[in-house]
Amino acid sequence: MGKLITLVDDTRPDEPLEAEVEHFDASLLRVAVPNTHVRFELRRLNAETMFEGELGGRHFSFDPNSSPTVVESLSVNPIEDWVRSDLI
């Protein structure tokens, strides 16, 4: 089980989405919505920007710069992650 984070929808700030991190690196954040089969990706251009992605007509973002303790706990082995994603 990965780390749970909160994704924000700027158009619905009172309706955040909690998601489980499956993969995290400099430009890609892959998450799964707990208790569902829903998975999606958020991307960013560089380390100074937020991760952004869309799901079901909603636009979600996650700013790792505002959550440094969360980011430090998101260590993922890239080789292990590649093998797991290859099997899915």
N, C-alpha and C. Protein backbone atom coordinates (compact mmCIF):
# COMPACT_ATOMS: atom_id res chain seq x y z
N MET A 1 0.84 -1.18 0.00
CA MET A 1 0.00 0.00 0.00
C MET A 1 0.88 1.23 0.00
N GLY A 2 0.56 2.19 -0.88
CA GLY A 2 1.34 3.42 -0.98
C GLY A 2 0.85 4.48 -0.01
N LYS A 3 1.53 5.59 -0.01
CA LYS A 3 1.21 6.73 0.84
C LYS A 3 -0.06 7.41 0.33
N LEU A 4 -0.95 7.79 1.24
CA LEU A 4 -2.15 8.52 0.86
C LEU A 4 -1.86 10.01 0.80
N ILE A 5 -2.32 10.65 -0.28
CA ILE A 5 -2.17 12.10 -0.43
C ILE A 5 -3.53 12.69 -0.78
N THR A 6 -3.64 14.00 -0.68
CA THR A 6 -4.88 14.69 -1.01
C THR A 6 -4.68 15.51 -2.27
N LEU A 7 -5.53 15.24 -3.26
CA LEU A 7 -5.50 15.98 -4.52
C LEU A 7 -6.59 17.05 -4.46
N VAL A 8 -6.29 18.21 -5.02
CA VAL A 8 -7.21 19.35 -4.95
C VAL A 8 -7.76 19.65 -6.35
N ASP A 9 -9.06 19.95 -6.38
CA ASP A 9 -9.72 20.42 -7.60
C ASP A 9 -10.05 21.89 -7.36
N ASP A 10 -9.39 22.80 -8.09
CA ASP A 10 -9.58 24.24 -7.86
C ASP A 10 -11.02 24.70 -8.06
N THR A 11 -11.77 24.01 -8.92
CA THR A 11 -13.15 24.40 -9.15
C THR A 11 -14.08 23.87 -8.06
N ARG A 12 -13.61 22.90 -7.30
CA ARG A 12 -14.38 22.34 -6.18
C ARG A 12 -13.46 22.16 -4.97
N PRO A 13 -12.99 23.25 -4.38
CA PRO A 13 -12.02 23.16 -3.28
C PRO A 13 -12.55 22.43 -2.05
N ASP A 14 -13.86 22.35 -1.90
CA ASP A 14 -14.42 21.65 -0.75
C ASP A 14 -14.64 20.16 -1.02
N GLU A 15 -14.19 19.67 -2.20
CA GLU A 15 -14.32 18.26 -2.56
C GLU A 15 -12.97 17.68 -2.99
N PRO A 16 -12.00 17.59 -2.06
CA PRO A 16 -10.70 17.01 -2.42
C PRO A 16 -10.84 15.51 -2.65
N LEU A 17 -9.84 14.93 -3.27
CA LEU A 17 -9.82 13.50 -3.54
C LEU A 17 -8.60 12.89 -2.86
N GLU A 18 -8.82 11.90 -2.02
CA GLU A 18 -7.71 11.20 -1.40
C GLU A 18 -7.28 10.08 -2.34
N ALA A 19 -5.99 9.96 -2.56
CA ALA A 19 -5.47 8.97 -3.49
C ALA A 19 -4.22 8.29 -2.92
N GLU A 20 -3.99 7.08 -3.37
CA GLU A 20 -2.83 6.31 -2.94
C GLU A 20 -1.74 6.39 -4.01
N VAL A 21 -0.54 6.74 -3.62
CA VAL A 21 0.56 6.89 -4.56
C VAL A 21 1.06 5.52 -4.99
N GLU A 22 1.08 5.29 -6.31
CA GLU A 22 1.64 4.05 -6.87
C GLU A 22 3.05 4.28 -7.39
N HIS A 23 3.28 5.47 -7.92
CA HIS A 23 4.60 5.81 -8.48
C HIS A 23 4.81 7.31 -8.35
N PHE A 24 6.03 7.69 -8.03
CA PHE A 24 6.37 9.10 -7.88
C PHE A 24 7.77 9.31 -8.42
N ASP A 25 7.93 10.23 -9.36
CA ASP A 25 9.27 10.65 -9.78
C ASP A 25 9.21 12.13 -10.14
N ALA A 26 10.24 12.65 -10.74
CA ALA A 26 10.34 14.08 -10.99
C ALA A 26 9.22 14.65 -11.85
N SER A 27 8.68 13.85 -12.77
CA SER A 27 7.67 14.39 -13.68
C SER A 27 6.34 13.64 -13.67
N LEU A 28 6.26 12.51 -13.00
CA LEU A 28 5.05 11.68 -13.05
C LEU A 28 4.62 11.26 -11.65
N LEU A 29 3.33 11.38 -11.40
CA LEU A 29 2.72 10.91 -10.16
C LEU A 29 1.55 10.03 -10.57
N ARG A 30 1.66 8.72 -10.31
CA ARG A 30 0.58 7.79 -10.65
C ARG A 30 -0.13 7.42 -9.35
N VAL A 31 -1.46 7.58 -9.33
CA VAL A 31 -2.24 7.34 -8.12
C VAL A 31 -3.39 6.39 -8.38
N ALA A 32 -3.87 5.79 -7.29
CA ALA A 32 -5.06 4.94 -7.32
C ALA A 32 -6.04 5.50 -6.29
N VAL A 33 -7.33 5.45 -6.63
CA VAL A 33 -8.35 5.91 -5.69
C VAL A 33 -8.72 4.71 -4.82
N PRO A 34 -8.55 4.83 -3.50
CA PRO A 34 -8.83 3.70 -2.60
C PRO A 34 -10.25 3.14 -2.76
N ASN A 35 -10.35 1.82 -2.63
CA ASN A 35 -11.63 1.09 -2.69
C ASN A 35 -12.31 1.18 -4.05
N THR A 36 -11.52 1.46 -5.10
CA THR A 36 -12.05 1.48 -6.47
C THR A 36 -11.00 0.83 -7.37
N HIS A 37 -11.33 0.74 -8.66
CA HIS A 37 -10.37 0.27 -9.66
C HIS A 37 -9.78 1.44 -10.43
N VAL A 38 -10.02 2.65 -9.98
CA VAL A 38 -9.62 3.87 -10.68
C VAL A 38 -8.16 4.20 -10.41
N ARG A 39 -7.41 4.42 -11.50
CA ARG A 39 -6.02 4.84 -11.44
C ARG A 39 -5.84 5.92 -12.50
N PHE A 40 -5.01 6.91 -12.19
CA PHE A 40 -4.71 7.93 -13.20
C PHE A 40 -3.38 8.59 -12.89
N GLU A 41 -2.91 9.37 -13.86
CA GLU A 41 -1.59 10.00 -13.76
C GLU A 41 -1.71 11.51 -13.72
N LEU A 42 -0.82 12.10 -12.94
CA LEU A 42 -0.66 13.55 -12.91
C LEU A 42 0.77 13.82 -13.36
N ARG A 43 0.96 14.86 -14.14
CA ARG A 43 2.31 15.17 -14.66
C ARG A 43 2.67 16.62 -14.34
N ARG A 44 3.98 16.89 -14.38
CA ARG A 44 4.45 18.27 -14.23
C ARG A 44 5.65 18.49 -15.13
N LEU A 45 5.89 19.76 -15.46
CA LEU A 45 6.97 20.11 -16.37
C LEU A 45 8.33 20.16 -15.68
N ASN A 46 8.36 20.66 -14.44
CA ASN A 46 9.63 20.77 -13.72
C ASN A 46 9.38 20.75 -12.21
N ALA A 47 10.44 20.77 -11.45
CA ALA A 47 10.33 20.63 -10.00
C ALA A 47 9.66 21.81 -9.31
N GLU A 48 9.51 22.93 -9.98
CA GLU A 48 8.88 24.10 -9.37
C GLU A 48 7.37 24.14 -9.58
N THR A 49 6.83 23.26 -10.41
CA THR A 49 5.40 23.28 -10.71
C THR A 49 4.66 22.16 -9.99
N MET A 50 3.32 22.25 -10.02
CA MET A 50 2.48 21.23 -9.42
C MET A 50 2.25 20.09 -10.40
N PHE A 51 1.94 18.92 -9.86
CA PHE A 51 1.46 17.82 -10.69
C PHE A 51 0.01 18.13 -11.02
N GLU A 52 -0.39 17.87 -12.28
CA GLU A 52 -1.75 18.12 -12.71
C GLU A 52 -2.25 16.97 -13.56
N GLY A 53 -3.54 16.65 -13.41
CA GLY A 53 -4.14 15.59 -14.20
C GLY A 53 -5.65 15.68 -14.14
N GLU A 54 -6.31 14.98 -15.05
CA GLU A 54 -7.77 15.03 -15.12
C GLU A 54 -8.36 13.65 -14.95
N LEU A 55 -9.54 13.65 -14.33
CA LEU A 55 -10.29 12.41 -14.12
C LEU A 55 -11.77 12.76 -14.11
N GLY A 56 -12.52 12.15 -15.00
CA GLY A 56 -13.97 12.35 -15.01
C GLY A 56 -14.41 13.79 -15.14
N GLY A 57 -13.72 14.57 -15.93
CA GLY A 57 -14.09 15.97 -16.12
C GLY A 57 -13.61 16.90 -15.03
N ARG A 58 -12.90 16.37 -14.06
CA ARG A 58 -12.35 17.21 -12.99
C ARG A 58 -10.85 17.35 -13.18
N HIS A 59 -10.33 18.49 -12.76
CA HIS A 59 -8.90 18.79 -12.91
C HIS A 59 -8.27 18.79 -11.51
N PHE A 60 -7.39 17.82 -11.28
CA PHE A 60 -6.77 17.69 -9.96
C PHE A 60 -5.32 18.15 -10.01
N SER A 61 -4.84 18.63 -8.85
CA SER A 61 -3.44 19.02 -8.73
C SER A 61 -2.90 18.59 -7.37
N PHE A 62 -1.58 18.44 -7.33
CA PHE A 62 -0.88 18.13 -6.09
C PHE A 62 0.43 18.89 -6.12
N ASP A 63 0.68 19.67 -5.08
CA ASP A 63 1.91 20.46 -5.00
C ASP A 63 2.85 19.82 -3.98
N PRO A 64 3.84 19.05 -4.46
CA PRO A 64 4.78 18.41 -3.52
C PRO A 64 5.64 19.43 -2.79
N ASN A 65 5.79 20.63 -3.34
CA ASN A 65 6.59 21.66 -2.68
C ASN A 65 5.92 22.18 -1.42
N SER A 66 4.61 22.04 -1.34
CA SER A 66 3.91 22.48 -0.14
C SER A 66 3.75 21.34 0.87
N SER A 67 4.19 20.14 0.47
CA SER A 67 4.10 18.97 1.34
C SER A 67 5.43 18.21 1.38
N PRO A 68 6.52 18.86 1.82
CA PRO A 68 7.83 18.20 1.76
C PRO A 68 7.92 16.91 2.57
N THR A 69 7.23 16.83 3.69
CA THR A 69 7.30 15.60 4.47
C THR A 69 6.62 14.45 3.74
N VAL A 70 5.57 14.75 3.00
CA VAL A 70 4.90 13.72 2.21
C VAL A 70 5.83 13.23 1.11
N VAL A 71 6.48 14.16 0.42
CA VAL A 71 7.36 13.80 -0.69
C VAL A 71 8.53 12.95 -0.20
N GLU A 72 9.09 13.28 0.95
CA GLU A 72 10.21 12.49 1.48
C GLU A 72 9.79 11.06 1.75
N SER A 73 8.52 10.84 2.09
CA SER A 73 8.06 9.49 2.40
C SER A 73 7.64 8.72 1.15
N LEU A 74 7.71 9.36 -0.02
CA LEU A 74 7.28 8.72 -1.26
C LEU A 74 8.42 8.04 -2.01
N SER A 75 9.40 7.54 -1.31
CA SER A 75 10.51 6.89 -2.00
C SER A 75 10.02 5.61 -2.65
N VAL A 76 10.25 5.51 -3.94
CA VAL A 76 9.82 4.36 -4.71
C VAL A 76 11.03 3.84 -5.47
N ASN A 77 11.21 2.54 -5.43
CA ASN A 77 12.29 1.92 -6.18
C ASN A 77 11.89 1.90 -7.66
N PRO A 78 12.58 2.66 -8.54
CA PRO A 78 12.16 2.74 -9.95
C PRO A 78 12.19 1.39 -10.66
N ILE A 79 13.15 0.52 -10.36
CA ILE A 79 13.22 -0.79 -11.02
C ILE A 79 12.03 -1.64 -10.58
N GLU A 80 11.75 -1.67 -9.28
CA GLU A 80 10.63 -2.44 -8.76
C GLU A 80 9.33 -1.91 -9.33
N ASP A 81 9.20 -0.60 -9.43
CA ASP A 81 7.99 0.00 -9.97
C ASP A 81 7.81 -0.35 -11.44
N TRP A 82 8.90 -0.35 -12.19
CA TRP A 82 8.82 -0.69 -13.61
C TRP A 82 8.35 -2.13 -13.78
N VAL A 83 8.86 -3.03 -12.97
CA VAL A 83 8.45 -4.44 -13.06
C VAL A 83 6.97 -4.57 -12.72
N ARG A 84 6.51 -3.91 -11.66
CA ARG A 84 5.11 -3.98 -11.28
C ARG A 84 4.21 -3.42 -12.38
N SER A 85 4.57 -2.25 -12.94
CA SER A 85 3.73 -1.64 -13.97
C SER A 85 3.73 -2.47 -15.24
N ASP A 86 4.81 -3.20 -15.49
CA ASP A 86 4.89 -4.05 -16.66
C ASP A 86 3.95 -5.24 -16.52
N LEU A 87 3.68 -5.68 -15.31
CA LEU A 87 2.81 -6.82 -15.08
C LEU A 87 1.33 -6.47 -15.06
N ILE A 88 1.02 -5.17 -14.93
CA ILE A 88 -0.38 -4.74 -14.83
C ILE A 88 -1.03 -4.73 -16.19
